[in-house]
Amino acid sequence: GSRKLADAHAARSAAGTFAYLFRWRPAAFGGSLGACHCVELPFVF
């Protein structure tokens, strides 16, 4: 859904459309969670 929304925005907007793919793997739980939901927020902010 996020990809579709970004594509639709890019097709209809003269302004830039930005998206990111976050793959950083935290050490918590032996790294087993991977880049799970919201783990990127400290980096974004």
PDB file of all heavy atoms in Angstrom:
ATOM      1  N   GLY A   1       0.818  -1.212   0.000  1.00  0.00           N
ATOM      2  CA  GLY A   1       0.000   0.000   0.000  1.00  0.00           C
ATOM      3  C   GLY A   1       0.853   1.264   0.000  1.00  0.00           C
ATOM      4  O   GLY A   1       0.527   2.240  -0.698  1.00  0.00           O
ATOM      5  N   SER A   2       1.939   1.249   0.733  1.00  0.00           N
ATOM      6  CA  SER A   2       2.833   2.413   0.758  1.00  0.00           C
ATOM      7  C   SER A   2       3.470   2.640  -0.608  1.00  0.00           C
ATOM      8  O   SER A   2       3.595   3.784  -1.067  1.00  0.00           O
ATOM      9  CB  SER A   2       3.932   2.220   1.802  1.00  0.00           C
ATOM     10  OG  SER A   2       3.369   2.161   3.085  1.00  0.00           O
ATOM     11  N   ARG A   3       3.876   1.561  -1.253  1.00  0.00           N
ATOM     12  CA  ARG A   3       4.457   1.689  -2.597  1.00  0.00           C
ATOM     13  C   ARG A   3       3.429   2.244  -3.578  1.00  0.00           C
ATOM     14  O   ARG A   3       3.735   3.121  -4.392  1.00  0.00           O
ATOM     15  CB  ARG A   3       4.977   0.338  -3.086  1.00  0.00           C
ATOM     16  CG  ARG A   3       6.295  -0.065  -2.465  1.00  0.00           C
ATOM     17  CD  ARG A   3       6.915  -1.250  -3.193  1.00  0.00           C
ATOM     18  NE  ARG A   3       6.086  -2.437  -3.154  1.00  0.00           N
ATOM     19  CZ  ARG A   3       6.173  -3.383  -2.229  1.00  0.00           C
ATOM     20  NH1 ARG A   3       7.059  -3.298  -1.262  1.00  0.00           N
ATOM     21  NH2 ARG A   3       5.383  -4.435  -2.274  1.00  0.00           N
ATOM     22  N   LYS A   4       2.206   1.749  -3.527  1.00  0.00           N
ATOM     23  CA  LYS A   4       1.161   2.233  -4.429  1.00  0.00           C
ATOM     24  C   LYS A   4       0.861   3.709  -4.186  1.00  0.00           C
ATOM     25  O   LYS A   4       0.667   4.476  -5.128  1.00  0.00           O
ATOM     26  CB  LYS A   4      -0.108   1.399  -4.271  1.00  0.00           C
ATOM     27  CG  LYS A   4       0.006   0.024  -4.891  1.00  0.00           C
ATOM     28  CD  LYS A   4      -1.291  -0.753  -4.724  1.00  0.00           C
ATOM     29  CE  LYS A   4      -1.185  -2.105  -5.392  1.00  0.00           C
ATOM     30  NZ  LYS A   4      -2.428  -2.894  -5.238  1.00  0.00           N
ATOM     31  N   LEU A   5       0.818   4.111  -2.923  1.00  0.00           N
ATOM     32  CA  LEU A   5       0.567   5.512  -2.594  1.00  0.00           C
ATOM     33  C   LEU A   5       1.691   6.402  -3.113  1.00  0.00           C
ATOM     34  O   LEU A   5       1.438   7.450  -3.720  1.00  0.00           O
ATOM     35  CB  LEU A   5       0.419   5.690  -1.077  1.00  0.00           C
ATOM     36  CG  LEU A   5       0.182   7.113  -0.594  1.00  0.00           C
ATOM     37  CD1 LEU A   5      -1.102   7.684  -1.170  1.00  0.00           C
ATOM     38  CD2 LEU A   5       0.154   7.141   0.925  1.00  0.00           C
ATOM     39  N   ALA A   6       2.930   5.998  -2.917  1.00  0.00           N
ATOM     40  CA  ALA A   6       4.066   6.789  -3.411  1.00  0.00           C
ATOM     41  C   ALA A   6       4.041   6.881  -4.936  1.00  0.00           C
ATOM     42  O   ALA A   6       4.283   7.958  -5.507  1.00  0.00           O
ATOM     43  CB  ALA A   6       5.381   6.179  -2.931  1.00  0.00           C
ATOM     44  N   ASP A   7       3.741   5.783  -5.604  1.00  0.00           N
ATOM     45  CA  ASP A   7       3.656   5.799  -7.065  1.00  0.00           C
ATOM     46  C   ASP A   7       2.543   6.732  -7.546  1.00  0.00           C
ATOM     47  O   ASP A   7       2.729   7.492  -8.501  1.00  0.00           O
ATOM     48  CB  ASP A   7       3.403   4.390  -7.609  1.00  0.00           C
ATOM     49  CG  ASP A   7       4.605   3.477  -7.472  1.00  0.00           C
ATOM     50  OD1 ASP A   7       5.729   3.973  -7.205  1.00  0.00           O
ATOM     51  OD2 ASP A   7       4.414   2.242  -7.611  1.00  0.00           O
ATOM     52  N   ALA A   8       1.387   6.680  -6.889  1.00  0.00           N
ATOM     53  CA  ALA A   8       0.268   7.547  -7.268  1.00  0.00           C
ATOM     54  C   ALA A   8       0.621   9.014  -7.038  1.00  0.00           C
ATOM     55  O   ALA A   8       0.311   9.872  -7.866  1.00  0.00           O
ATOM     56  CB  ALA A   8      -0.990   7.160  -6.485  1.00  0.00           C
ATOM     57  N   HIS A   9       1.276   9.296  -5.923  1.00  0.00           N
ATOM     58  CA  HIS A   9       1.674  10.669  -5.641  1.00  0.00           C
ATOM     59  C   HIS A   9       2.665  11.160  -6.687  1.00  0.00           C
ATOM     60  O   HIS A   9       2.547  12.273  -7.209  1.00  0.00           O
ATOM     61  CB  HIS A   9       2.285  10.774  -4.242  1.00  0.00           C
ATOM     62  CG  HIS A   9       2.651  12.170  -3.873  1.00  0.00           C
ATOM     63  ND1 HIS A   9       3.893  12.709  -4.137  1.00  0.00           N
ATOM     64  CD2 HIS A   9       1.933  13.152  -3.273  1.00  0.00           C
ATOM     65  CE1 HIS A   9       3.933  13.957  -3.709  1.00  0.00           C
ATOM     66  NE2 HIS A   9       2.753  14.247  -3.176  1.00  0.00           N
ATOM     67  N   ALA A  10       3.638  10.346  -7.011  1.00  0.00           N
ATOM     68  CA  ALA A  10       4.657  10.729  -7.995  1.00  0.00           C
ATOM     69  C   ALA A  10       4.034  10.986  -9.366  1.00  0.00           C
ATOM     70  O   ALA A  10       4.463  11.891 -10.089  1.00  0.00           O
ATOM     71  CB  ALA A  10       5.722   9.640  -8.090  1.00  0.00           C
ATOM     72  N   ALA A  11       3.023  10.224  -9.717  1.00  0.00           N
ATOM     73  CA  ALA A  11       2.380  10.373 -11.023  1.00  0.00           C
ATOM     74  C   ALA A  11       1.527  11.634 -11.120  1.00  0.00           C
ATOM     75  O   ALA A  11       1.267  12.122 -12.216  1.00  0.00           O
ATOM     76  CB  ALA A  11       1.504   9.152 -11.315  1.00  0.00           C
ATOM     77  N   ARG A  12       1.136  12.192  -9.980  1.00  0.00           N
ATOM     78  CA  ARG A  12       0.207  13.321  -9.988  1.00  0.00           C
ATOM     79  C   ARG A  12       0.773  14.599  -9.384  1.00  0.00           C
ATOM     80  O   ARG A  12       0.061  15.580  -9.244  1.00  0.00           O
ATOM     81  CB  ARG A  12      -1.061  12.929  -9.226  1.00  0.00           C
ATOM     82  CG  ARG A  12      -1.866  11.881  -9.955  1.00  0.00           C
ATOM     83  CD  ARG A  12      -2.949  11.297  -9.070  1.00  0.00           C
ATOM     84  NE  ARG A  12      -3.750  10.325  -9.767  1.00  0.00           N
ATOM     85  CZ  ARG A  12      -3.395   9.065  -9.982  1.00  0.00           C
ATOM     86  NH1 ARG A  12      -2.243   8.618  -9.558  1.00  0.00           N
ATOM     87  NH2 ARG A  12      -4.198   8.236 -10.626  1.00  0.00           N
ATOM     88  N   SER A  13       2.030  14.588  -9.037  1.00  0.00           N
ATOM     89  CA  SER A  13       2.591  15.734  -8.334  1.00  0.00           C
ATOM     90  C   SER A  13       3.865  16.213  -9.025  1.00  0.00           C
ATOM     91  O   SER A  13       4.714  15.412  -9.413  1.00  0.00           O
ATOM     92  CB  SER A  13       2.920  15.343  -6.891  1.00  0.00           C
ATOM     93  OG  SER A  13       3.569  16.405  -6.237  1.00  0.00           O
ATOM     94  N   ALA A  14       3.986  17.535  -9.142  1.00  0.00           N
ATOM     95  CA  ALA A  14       5.223  18.107  -9.676  1.00  0.00           C
ATOM     96  C   ALA A  14       6.294  18.164  -8.584  1.00  0.00           C
ATOM     97  O   ALA A  14       7.476  18.283  -8.878  1.00  0.00           O
ATOM     98  CB  ALA A  14       4.948  19.510 -10.226  1.00  0.00           C
ATOM     99  N   ALA A  15       5.861  18.077  -7.350  1.00  0.00           N
ATOM    100  CA  ALA A  15       6.805  18.077  -6.227  1.00  0.00           C
ATOM    101  C   ALA A  15       7.447  16.695  -6.119  1.00  0.00           C
ATOM    102  O   ALA A  15       6.958  15.719  -6.675  1.00  0.00           O
ATOM    103  CB  ALA A  15       6.070  18.418  -4.937  1.00  0.00           C
ATOM    104  N   GLY A  16       8.518  16.605  -5.413  1.00  0.00           N
ATOM    105  CA  GLY A  16       9.187  15.313  -5.241  1.00  0.00           C
ATOM    106  C   GLY A  16       8.383  14.356  -4.385  1.00  0.00           C
ATOM    107  O   GLY A  16       7.587  14.758  -3.540  1.00  0.00           O
ATOM    108  N   THR A  17       8.574  13.093  -4.633  1.00  0.00           N
ATOM    109  CA  THR A  17       7.984  12.024  -3.826  1.00  0.00           C
ATOM    110  C   THR A  17       9.139  11.235  -3.239  1.00  0.00           C
ATOM    111  O   THR A  17      10.037  10.818  -3.960  1.00  0.00           O
ATOM    112  CB  THR A  17       7.108  11.109  -4.693  1.00  0.00           C
ATOM    113  OG1 THR A  17       6.071  11.890  -5.268  1.00  0.00           O
ATOM    114  CG2 THR A  17       6.511   9.985  -3.871  1.00  0.00           C
ATOM    115  N   PHE A  18       9.123  11.061  -1.939  1.00  0.00           N
ATOM    116  CA  PHE A  18      10.230  10.395  -1.265  1.00  0.00           C
ATOM    117  C   PHE A  18       9.732   9.174  -0.505  1.00  0.00           C
ATOM    118  O   PHE A  18       8.671   9.199   0.093  1.00  0.00           O
ATOM    119  CB  PHE A  18      10.916  11.361  -0.286  1.00  0.00           C
ATOM    120  CG  PHE A  18      11.439  12.589  -0.969  1.00  0.00           C
ATOM    121  CD1 PHE A  18      10.657  13.730  -1.084  1.00  0.00           C
ATOM    122  CD2 PHE A  18      12.707  12.597  -1.517  1.00  0.00           C
ATOM    123  CE1 PHE A  18      11.132  14.855  -1.726  1.00  0.00           C
ATOM    124  CE2 PHE A  18      13.196  13.715  -2.167  1.00  0.00           C
ATOM    125  CZ  PHE A  18      12.407  14.849  -2.266  1.00  0.00           C
ATOM    126  N   ALA A  19      10.521   8.136  -0.538  1.00  0.00           N
ATOM    127  CA  ALA A  19      10.247   6.920   0.218  1.00  0.00           C
ATOM    128  C   ALA A  19      11.596   6.366   0.658  1.00  0.00           C
ATOM    129  O   ALA A  19      12.637   6.749   0.117  1.00  0.00           O
ATOM    130  CB  ALA A  19       9.506   5.909  -0.640  1.00  0.00           C
ATOM    131  N   TYR A  20      11.581   5.504   1.623  1.00  0.00           N
ATOM    132  CA  TYR A  20      12.831   4.886   2.059  1.00  0.00           C
ATOM    133  C   TYR A  20      12.595   3.428   2.397  1.00  0.00           C
ATOM    134  O   TYR A  20      11.491   3.013   2.702  1.00  0.00           O
ATOM    135  CB  TYR A  20      13.445   5.627   3.253  1.00  0.00           C
ATOM    136  CG  TYR A  20      12.583   5.657   4.493  1.00  0.00           C
ATOM    137  CD1 TYR A  20      12.674   4.657   5.453  1.00  0.00           C
ATOM    138  CD2 TYR A  20      11.691   6.694   4.713  1.00  0.00           C
ATOM    139  CE1 TYR A  20      11.905   4.686   6.596  1.00  0.00           C
ATOM    140  CE2 TYR A  20      10.904   6.731   5.857  1.00  0.00           C
ATOM    141  CZ  TYR A  20      11.021   5.726   6.788  1.00  0.00           C
ATOM    142  OH  TYR A  20      10.246   5.746   7.924  1.00  0.00           O
ATOM    143  N   LEU A  21      13.669   2.674   2.286  1.00  0.00           N
ATOM    144  CA  LEU A  21      13.670   1.272   2.680  1.00  0.00           C
ATOM    145  C   LEU A  21      14.692   1.151   3.791  1.00  0.00           C
ATOM    146  O   LEU A  21      15.872   1.412   3.582  1.00  0.00           O
ATOM    147  CB  LEU A  21      14.059   0.384   1.485  1.00  0.00           C
ATOM    148  CG  LEU A  21      14.158  -1.106   1.754  1.00  0.00           C
ATOM    149  CD1 LEU A  21      12.815  -1.657   2.234  1.00  0.00           C
ATOM    150  CD2 LEU A  21      14.606  -1.829   0.498  1.00  0.00           C
ATOM    151  N   PHE A  22      14.234   0.787   4.963  1.00  0.00           N
ATOM    152  CA  PHE A  22      15.084   0.751   6.151  1.00  0.00           C
ATOM    153  C   PHE A  22      15.414  -0.691   6.483  1.00  0.00           C
ATOM    154  O   PHE A  22      14.528  -1.493   6.732  1.00  0.00           O
ATOM    155  CB  PHE A  22      14.346   1.417   7.320  1.00  0.00           C
ATOM    156  CG  PHE A  22      15.189   1.623   8.532  1.00  0.00           C
ATOM    157  CD1 PHE A  22      16.062   2.690   8.612  1.00  0.00           C
ATOM    158  CD2 PHE A  22      15.122   0.749   9.592  1.00  0.00           C
ATOM    159  CE1 PHE A  22      16.839   2.896   9.738  1.00  0.00           C
ATOM    160  CE2 PHE A  22      15.895   0.931  10.720  1.00  0.00           C
ATOM    161  CZ  PHE A  22      16.754   2.009  10.795  1.00  0.00           C
ATOM    162  N   ARG A  23      16.690  -1.029   6.479  1.00  0.00           N
ATOM    163  CA  ARG A  23      17.088  -2.420   6.708  1.00  0.00           C
ATOM    164  C   ARG A  23      18.047  -2.598   7.882  1.00  0.00           C
ATOM    165  O   ARG A  23      18.612  -3.665   8.041  1.00  0.00           O
ATOM    166  CB  ARG A  23      17.740  -2.976   5.449  1.00  0.00           C
ATOM    167  CG  ARG A  23      16.748  -3.145   4.328  1.00  0.00           C
ATOM    168  CD  ARG A  23      17.372  -3.840   3.163  1.00  0.00           C
ATOM    169  NE  ARG A  23      16.350  -4.145   2.187  1.00  0.00           N
ATOM    170  CZ  ARG A  23      16.612  -4.603   0.998  1.00  0.00           C
ATOM    171  NH1 ARG A  23      17.846  -4.839   0.630  1.00  0.00           N
ATOM    172  NH2 ARG A  23      15.632  -4.847   0.166  1.00  0.00           N
ATOM    173  N   TRP A  24      18.239  -1.567   8.685  1.00  0.00           N
ATOM    174  CA  TRP A  24      19.141  -1.681   9.831  1.00  0.00           C
ATOM    175  C   TRP A  24      18.592  -2.722  10.800  1.00  0.00           C
ATOM    176  O   TRP A  24      17.397  -2.766  11.088  1.00  0.00           O
ATOM    177  CB  TRP A  24      19.287  -0.327  10.511  1.00  0.00           C
ATOM    178  CG  TRP A  24      20.176  -0.343  11.699  1.00  0.00           C
ATOM    179  CD1 TRP A  24      21.532  -0.388  11.714  1.00  0.00           C
ATOM    180  CD2 TRP A  24      19.768  -0.290  13.066  1.00  0.00           C
ATOM    181  NE1 TRP A  24      21.996  -0.364  12.999  1.00  0.00           N
ATOM    182  CE2 TRP A  24      20.938  -0.312  13.849  1.00  0.00           C
ATOM    183  CE3 TRP A  24      18.533  -0.239  13.697  1.00  0.00           C
ATOM    184  CZ2 TRP A  24      20.893  -0.272  15.236  1.00  0.00           C
ATOM    185  CZ3 TRP A  24      18.493  -0.204  15.070  1.00  0.00           C
ATOM    186  CH2 TRP A  24      19.672  -0.217  15.832  1.00  0.00           C
ATOM    187  N   ARG A  25      19.459  -3.573  11.300  1.00  0.00           N
ATOM    188  CA  ARG A  25      19.060  -4.664  12.186  1.00  0.00           C
ATOM    189  C   ARG A  25      19.561  -4.365  13.600  1.00  0.00           C
ATOM    190  O   ARG A  25      20.753  -4.423  13.850  1.00  0.00           O
ATOM    191  CB  ARG A  25      19.674  -5.962  11.669  1.00  0.00           C
ATOM    192  CG  ARG A  25      19.146  -7.199  12.334  1.00  0.00           C
ATOM    193  CD  ARG A  25      19.717  -8.440  11.667  1.00  0.00           C
ATOM    194  NE  ARG A  25      19.018  -8.788  10.456  1.00  0.00           N
ATOM    195  CZ  ARG A  25      17.910  -9.519  10.414  1.00  0.00           C
ATOM    196  NH1 ARG A  25      17.373  -9.977  11.519  1.00  0.00           N
ATOM    197  NH2 ARG A  25      17.333  -9.806   9.272  1.00  0.00           N
ATOM    198  N   PRO A  26      18.658  -4.037  14.535  1.00  0.00           N
ATOM    199  CA  PRO A  26      19.101  -3.764  15.903  1.00  0.00           C
ATOM    200  C   PRO A  26      19.642  -5.033  16.580  1.00  0.00           C
ATOM    201  O   PRO A  26      19.294  -6.146  16.205  1.00  0.00           O
ATOM    202  CB  PRO A  26      17.837  -3.269  16.606  1.00  0.00           C
ATOM    203  CG  PRO A  26      16.714  -3.841  15.817  1.00  0.00           C
ATOM    204  CD  PRO A  26      17.205  -3.955  14.405  1.00  0.00           C
ATOM    205  N   ALA A  27      20.482  -4.840  17.561  1.00  0.00           N
ATOM    206  CA  ALA A  27      21.093  -5.968  18.276  1.00  0.00           C
ATOM    207  C   ALA A  27      20.129  -6.640  19.263  1.00  0.00           C
ATOM    208  O   ALA A  27      20.376  -7.769  19.684  1.00  0.00           O
ATOM    209  CB  ALA A  27      22.332  -5.482  19.026  1.00  0.00           C
ATOM    210  N   ALA A  28      19.037  -5.979  19.620  1.00  0.00           N
ATOM    211  CA  ALA A  28      18.081  -6.546  20.575  1.00  0.00           C
ATOM    212  C   ALA A  28      17.610  -7.911  20.114  1.00  0.00           C
ATOM    213  O   ALA A  28      17.443  -8.157  18.914  1.00  0.00           O
ATOM    214  CB  ALA A  28      16.880  -5.611  20.733  1.00  0.00           C
ATOM    215  N   PHE A  29      17.416  -8.795  21.045  1.00  0.00           N
ATOM    216  CA  PHE A  29      16.949 -10.158  20.787  1.00  0.00           C
ATOM    217  C   PHE A  29      17.856 -10.879  19.790  1.00  0.00           C
ATOM    218  O   PHE A  29      17.404 -11.626  18.929  1.00  0.00           O
ATOM    219  CB  PHE A  29      15.502 -10.173  20.303  1.00  0.00           C
ATOM    220  CG  PHE A  29      14.547  -9.531  21.261  1.00  0.00           C
ATOM    221  CD1 PHE A  29      14.047  -8.261  21.029  1.00  0.00           C
ATOM    222  CD2 PHE A  29      14.164 -10.189  22.424  1.00  0.00           C
ATOM    223  CE1 PHE A  29      13.184  -7.650  21.925  1.00  0.00           C
ATOM    224  CE2 PHE A  29      13.297  -9.592  23.315  1.00  0.00           C
ATOM    225  CZ  PHE A  29      12.808  -8.321  23.071  1.00  0.00           C
ATOM    226  N   GLY A  30      19.135 -10.609  19.887  1.00  0.00           N
ATOM    227  CA  GLY A  30      20.109 -11.272  19.023  1.00  0.00           C
ATOM    228  C   GLY A  30      19.968 -10.911  17.555  1.00  0.00           C
ATOM    229  O   GLY A  30      20.398 -11.653  16.691  1.00  0.00           O
ATOM    230  N   GLY A  31      19.353  -9.766  17.262  1.00  0.00           N
ATOM    231  CA  GLY A  31      19.165  -9.340  15.879  1.00  0.00           C
ATOM    232  C   GLY A  31      18.035 -10.044  15.165  1.00  0.00           C
ATOM    233  O   GLY A  31      17.831  -9.847  13.970  1.00  0.00           O
ATOM    234  N   SER A  32      17.257 -10.838  15.883  1.00  0.00           N
ATOM    235  CA  SER A  32      16.228 -11.652  15.240  1.00  0.00           C
ATOM    236  C   SER A  32      15.029 -10.843  14.734  1.00  0.00           C
ATOM    237  O   SER A  32      14.302 -11.319  13.872  1.00  0.00           O
ATOM    238  CB  SER A  32      15.730 -12.740  16.191  1.00  0.00           C
ATOM    239  OG  SER A  32      15.088 -12.173  17.310  1.00  0.00           O
ATOM    240  N   LEU A  33      14.825  -9.625  15.250  1.00  0.00           N
ATOM    241  CA  LEU A  33      13.675  -8.833  14.819  1.00  0.00           C
ATOM    242  C   LEU A  33      13.888  -8.188  13.466  1.00  0.00           C
ATOM    243  O   LEU A  33      12.940  -7.896  12.759  1.00  0.00           O
ATOM    244  CB  LEU A  33      13.351  -7.754  15.845  1.00  0.00           C
ATOM    245  CG  LEU A  33      12.854  -8.240  17.192  1.00  0.00           C
ATOM    246  CD1 LEU A  33      12.625  -7.056  18.109  1.00  0.00           C
ATOM    247  CD2 LEU A  33      11.583  -9.052  17.040  1.00  0.00           C
ATOM    248  N   GLY A  34      15.120  -7.928  13.102  1.00  0.00           N
ATOM    249  CA  GLY A  34      15.362  -7.205  11.861  1.00  0.00           C
ATOM    250  C   GLY A  34      14.848  -5.782  11.965  1.00  0.00           C
ATOM    251  O   GLY A  34      14.670  -5.239  13.057  1.00  0.00           O
ATOM    252  N   ALA A  35      14.601  -5.182  10.841  1.00  0.00           N
ATOM    253  CA  ALA A  35      14.125  -3.799  10.803  1.00  0.00           C
ATOM    254  C   ALA A  35      12.609  -3.801  10.980  1.00  0.00           C
ATOM    255  O   ALA A  35      11.849  -3.555  10.059  1.00  0.00           O
ATOM    256  CB  ALA A  35      14.523  -3.144   9.485  1.00  0.00           C
ATOM    257  N   CYS A  36      12.169  -4.100  12.179  1.00  0.00           N
ATOM    258  CA  CYS A  36      10.743  -4.248  12.449  1.00  0.00           C
ATOM    259  C   CYS A  36      10.046  -2.893  12.587  1.00  0.00           C
ATOM    260  O   CYS A  36      10.671  -1.841  12.587  1.00  0.00           O
ATOM    261  CB  CYS A  36      10.532  -5.112  13.683  1.00  0.00           C
ATOM    262  SG  CYS A  36      11.307  -4.447  15.154  1.00  0.00           S
ATOM    263  N   HIS A  37       8.745  -2.953  12.728  1.00  0.00           N
ATOM    264  CA  HIS A  37       7.873  -1.781  12.769  1.00  0.00           C
ATOM    265  C   HIS A  37       8.375  -0.717  13.740  1.00  0.00           C
ATOM    266  O   HIS A  37       8.628  -1.002  14.907  1.00  0.00           O
ATOM    267  CB  HIS A  37       6.464  -2.231  13.165  1.00  0.00           C
ATOM    268  CG  HIS A  37       5.450  -1.156  13.135  1.00  0.00           C
ATOM    269  ND1 HIS A  37       5.112  -0.484  11.986  1.00  0.00           N
ATOM    270  CD2 HIS A  37       4.693  -0.621  14.113  1.00  0.00           C
ATOM    271  CE1 HIS A  37       4.190   0.418  12.269  1.00  0.00           C
ATOM    272  NE2 HIS A  37       3.910   0.355  13.548  1.00  0.00           N
ATOM    273  N   CYS A  38       8.541   0.490  13.251  1.00  0.00           N
ATOM    274  CA  CYS A  38       8.901   1.700  14.005  1.00  0.00           C
ATOM    275  C   CYS A  38      10.357   1.766  14.466  1.00  0.00           C
ATOM    276  O   CYS A  38      10.744   2.755  15.074  1.00  0.00           O
ATOM    277  CB  CYS A  38       7.985   1.919  15.200  1.00  0.00           C
ATOM    278  SG  CYS A  38       6.306   2.354  14.722  1.00  0.00           S
ATOM    279  N   VAL A  39      11.169   0.775  14.190  1.00  0.00           N
ATOM    280  CA  VAL A  39      12.549   0.822  14.667  1.00  0.00           C
ATOM    281  C   VAL A  39      13.336   1.929  13.962  1.00  0.00           C
ATOM    282  O   VAL A  39      14.356   2.388  14.470  1.00  0.00           O
ATOM    283  CB  VAL A  39      13.235  -0.561  14.550  1.00  0.00           C
ATOM    284  CG1 VAL A  39      13.660  -0.859  13.131  1.00  0.00           C
ATOM    285  CG2 VAL A  39      14.400  -0.684  15.506  1.00  0.00           C
ATOM    286  N   GLU A  40      12.845   2.406  12.831  1.00  0.00           N
ATOM    287  CA  GLU A  40      13.539   3.470  12.105  1.00  0.00           C
ATOM    288  C   GLU A  40      13.271   4.863  12.669  1.00  0.00           C
ATOM    289  O   GLU A  40      13.983   5.815  12.349  1.00  0.00           O
ATOM    290  CB  GLU A  40      13.161   3.435  10.617  1.00  0.00           C
ATOM    291  CG  GLU A  40      11.873   4.142  10.245  1.00  0.00           C
ATOM    292  CD  GLU A  40      10.592   3.382  10.582  1.00  0.00           C
ATOM    293  OE1 GLU A  40      10.642   2.324  11.238  1.00  0.00           O
ATOM    294  OE2 GLU A  40       9.528   3.859  10.181  1.00  0.00           O
ATOM    295  N   LEU A  41      12.286   5.019  13.521  1.00  0.00           N
ATOM    296  CA  LEU A  41      11.886   6.353  13.979  1.00  0.00           C
ATOM    297  C   LEU A  41      12.998   7.145  14.664  1.00  0.00           C
ATOM    298  O   LEU A  41      13.129   8.355  14.406  1.00  0.00           O
ATOM    299  CB  LEU A  41      10.636   6.274  14.847  1.00  0.00           C
ATOM    300  CG  LEU A  41       9.383   5.833  14.095  1.00  0.00           C
ATOM    301  CD1 LEU A  41       8.195   5.761  15.032  1.00  0.00           C
ATOM    302  CD2 LEU A  41       9.102   6.720  12.904  1.00  0.00           C
ATOM    303  N   PRO A  42      13.845   6.555  15.509  1.00  0.00           N
ATOM    304  CA  PRO A  42      14.944   7.351  16.070  1.00  0.00           C
ATOM    305  C   PRO A  42      15.891   7.884  14.987  1.00  0.00           C
ATOM    306  O   PRO A  42      16.460   8.964  15.138  1.00  0.00           O
ATOM    307  CB  PRO A  42      15.681   6.365  16.986  1.00  0.00           C
ATOM    308  CG  PRO A  42      14.663   5.335  17.327  1.00  0.00           C
ATOM    309  CD  PRO A  42      13.794   5.214  16.113  1.00  0.00           C
ATOM    310  N   PHE A  43      16.021   7.178  13.895  1.00  0.00           N
ATOM    311  CA  PHE A  43      16.867   7.641  12.793  1.00  0.00           C
ATOM    312  C   PHE A  43      16.172   8.760  12.025  1.00  0.00           C
ATOM    313  O   PHE A  43      16.792   9.761  11.663  1.00  0.00           O
ATOM    314  CB  PHE A  43      17.192   6.480  11.848  1.00  0.00           C
ATOM    315  CG  PHE A  43      18.069   5.435  12.473  1.00  0.00           C
ATOM    316  CD1 PHE A  43      17.517   4.418  13.234  1.00  0.00           C
ATOM    317  CD2 PHE A  43      19.441   5.470  12.303  1.00  0.00           C
ATOM    318  CE1 PHE A  43      18.323   3.450  13.819  1.00  0.00           C
ATOM    319  CE2 PHE A  43      20.256   4.510  12.880  1.00  0.00           C
ATOM    320  CZ  PHE A  43      19.697   3.501  13.645  1.00  0.00           C
ATOM    321  N   VAL A  44      14.878   8.621  11.782  1.00  0.00           N
ATOM    322  CA  VAL A  44      14.111   9.627  11.053  1.00  0.00           C
ATOM    323  C   VAL A  44      14.116  10.956  11.813  1.00  0.00           C
ATOM    324  O   VAL A  44      14.259  12.020  11.218  1.00  0.00           O
ATOM    325  CB  VAL A  44      12.659   9.146  10.820  1.00  0.00           C
ATOM    326  CG1 VAL A  44      11.779  10.259  10.274  1.00  0.00           C
ATOM    327  CG2 VAL A  44      12.646   7.936   9.887  1.00  0.00           C
ATOM    328  N   PHE A  45      13.985  10.896  13.127  1.00  0.00           N
ATOM    329  CA  PHE A  45      13.892  12.108  13.941  1.00  0.00           C
ATOM    330  C   PHE A  45      15.204  12.465  14.634  1.00  0.00           C
ATOM    331  O   PHE A  45      15.220  13.271  15.561  1.00  0.00           O
ATOM    332  CB  PHE A  45      12.753  11.971  14.953  1.00  0.00           C
ATOM    333  CG  PHE A  45      11.408  11.892  14.290  1.00  0.00           C
ATOM    334  CD1 PHE A  45      10.726  10.691  14.203  1.00  0.00           C
ATOM    335  CD2 PHE A  45      10.847  13.018  13.694  1.00  0.00           C
ATOM    336  CE1 PHE A  45       9.497  10.613  13.569  1.00  0.00           C
ATOM    337  CE2 PHE A  45       9.629  12.951  13.054  1.00  0.00           C
ATOM    338  CZ  PHE A  45       8.949  11.749  12.989  1.00  0.00           C
TER     339      PHE A  45
END
